[in-house]
Amino acid sequence: MTMDATLAELLDEIARSGRDHDQHEASHDRRMLNLEPDTARLVSLLVRSSARQRVLEIGTSNGYSTLWLAWSVRPQGGKVISIDRDAGKQELADANLRRAGLREVVELVS
């Protein structure tokens, strides 16, 4: 399954932004701690190849991996439940999911 260019560009943007943010953030709790792009692709491949319909993610952060997971389960009518205790990060993830058109695939839990 091929990802559309708009989503791929958004993922690249979020990955760059997360890396830039983390390089300048001393506090571990405030970092985005995104997966590396190759790792995110592998996780996506595993989810898609096993035709998962339900995925639980612990640590939403800015939604980078959440987007990968949502894109991976959507063809099967799946859902992602993503948990993060940081309301600011959840707001950022919510905005990114909406930009990608994948918000309806994800339940954000605090």
Protein backbone atom coordinates (compact mmCIF):
# COMPACT_ATOMS: atom_id res chain seq x y z
CA MET A 1 0.00 0.00 0.00
CA THR A 2 1.41 3.33 -1.03
CA MET A 3 1.10 6.38 1.21
CA ASP A 4 -0.17 9.54 -0.45
CA ALA A 5 2.30 12.38 -0.88
CA THR A 6 0.44 14.77 1.43
CA LEU A 7 0.63 12.40 4.40
CA ALA A 8 4.26 11.52 3.63
CA GLU A 9 5.14 15.24 3.61
CA LEU A 10 3.31 15.80 6.90
CA LEU A 11 5.15 12.88 8.51
CA ASP A 12 8.48 14.27 7.28
CA GLU A 13 7.57 17.69 8.69
CA ILE A 14 6.62 16.25 12.09
CA ALA A 15 9.77 14.10 12.22
CA ARG A 16 11.97 17.14 11.47
CA SER A 17 10.12 19.30 13.95
CA GLY A 18 10.41 16.64 16.66
CA ARG A 19 14.15 16.20 16.07
CA ASP A 20 14.71 19.97 16.15
CA HIS A 21 12.64 20.31 19.30
CA ASP A 22 14.41 17.47 21.11
CA GLN A 23 17.88 18.81 20.28
CA HIS A 24 17.06 22.00 22.18
CA GLU A 25 15.02 20.52 25.03
CA ALA A 26 16.96 19.52 28.13
CA SER A 27 13.99 18.03 30.00
CA HIS A 28 13.23 14.43 29.01
CA ASP A 29 9.53 14.91 29.89
CA ARG A 30 9.21 17.76 27.40
CA ARG A 31 10.87 15.98 24.48
CA MET A 32 8.77 14.52 21.68
CA LEU A 33 10.80 11.29 21.59
CA ASN A 34 9.48 10.29 18.17
CA LEU A 35 10.39 7.00 16.59
CA GLU A 36 13.08 7.18 13.95
CA PRO A 37 11.45 7.19 10.47
CA ASP A 38 12.85 3.74 9.58
CA THR A 39 11.49 2.33 12.85
CA ALA A 40 8.09 3.93 12.22
CA ARG A 41 8.00 2.36 8.74
CA LEU A 42 8.84 -1.04 10.21
CA VAL A 43 6.12 -0.77 12.87
CA SER A 44 3.66 0.25 10.17
CA LEU A 45 4.66 -2.70 8.02
CA LEU A 46 4.17 -5.09 10.93
CA VAL A 47 0.74 -3.66 11.75
CA ARG A 48 -0.37 -3.75 8.11
CA SER A 49 1.00 -7.22 7.36
CA SER A 50 -0.76 -8.68 10.39
CA ALA A 51 -4.01 -6.86 9.46
CA ARG A 52 -4.41 -5.42 12.95
CA GLN A 53 -7.69 -3.67 13.67
CA ARG A 54 -6.93 -2.50 17.21
CA VAL A 55 -3.71 -0.91 18.40
CA LEU A 56 -2.84 0.57 21.78
CA GLU A 57 -0.12 3.22 21.85
CA ILE A 58 1.32 4.44 25.12
CA GLY A 59 2.90 7.85 24.67
CA THR A 60 1.11 9.88 21.99
CA SER A 61 3.52 12.82 22.04
CA ASN A 62 3.03 14.93 18.89
CA GLY A 63 1.27 12.11 17.07
CA TYR A 64 4.09 11.04 14.74
CA SER A 65 3.83 7.31 15.44
CA THR A 66 0.09 7.69 15.98
CA LEU A 67 -0.25 8.84 12.37
CA TRP A 68 1.71 5.83 11.15
CA LEU A 69 -0.47 3.50 13.22
CA ALA A 70 -3.73 5.15 12.13
CA TRP A 71 -2.72 4.97 8.48
CA SER A 72 -1.85 1.30 8.97
CA VAL A 73 -5.15 0.22 10.54
CA ARG A 74 -7.56 2.38 8.54
CA PRO A 75 -7.85 0.02 5.51
CA GLN A 76 -9.17 -2.72 7.82
CA GLY A 77 -11.58 -0.34 9.55
CA GLY A 78 -9.32 -0.39 12.61
CA LYS A 79 -8.83 1.97 15.52
CA VAL A 80 -5.89 3.23 17.55
CA ILE A 81 -6.17 4.11 21.23
CA SER A 82 -3.32 6.42 22.16
CA ILE A 83 -2.56 7.45 25.74
CA ASP A 84 -0.54 10.44 26.92
CA ARG A 85 -0.70 12.29 30.23
CA ASP A 86 0.57 15.58 28.73
CA ALA A 87 -2.42 17.65 27.58
CA GLY A 88 -0.23 19.91 25.45
CA LYS A 89 1.20 16.99 23.53
CA GLN A 90 -2.27 15.54 23.06
CA GLU A 91 -3.47 18.84 21.61
CA LEU A 92 -0.55 18.80 19.18
CA ALA A 93 -1.30 15.19 18.23
CA ASP A 94 -4.98 16.05 17.75
CA ALA A 95 -4.06 18.89 15.38
CA ASN A 96 -1.66 16.66 13.42
CA LEU A 97 -4.25 13.88 13.15
CA ARG A 98 -6.81 16.38 11.86
CA ARG A 99 -4.33 17.74 9.30
CA ALA A 100 -3.80 14.20 8.07
CA GLY A 101 -7.51 13.36 7.95
CA LEU A 102 -6.97 10.48 10.37
CA ARG A 103 -8.55 11.88 13.55
CA GLU A 104 -11.58 9.60 13.33
CA VAL A 105 -9.30 6.54 13.47
CA VAL A 106 -7.77 7.51 16.83
CA GLU A 107 -9.12 7.77 20.36
CA LEU A 108 -6.87 10.06 22.42
CA VAL A 109 -6.88 9.23 26.13
CA SER A 110 -5.23 11.17 28.94
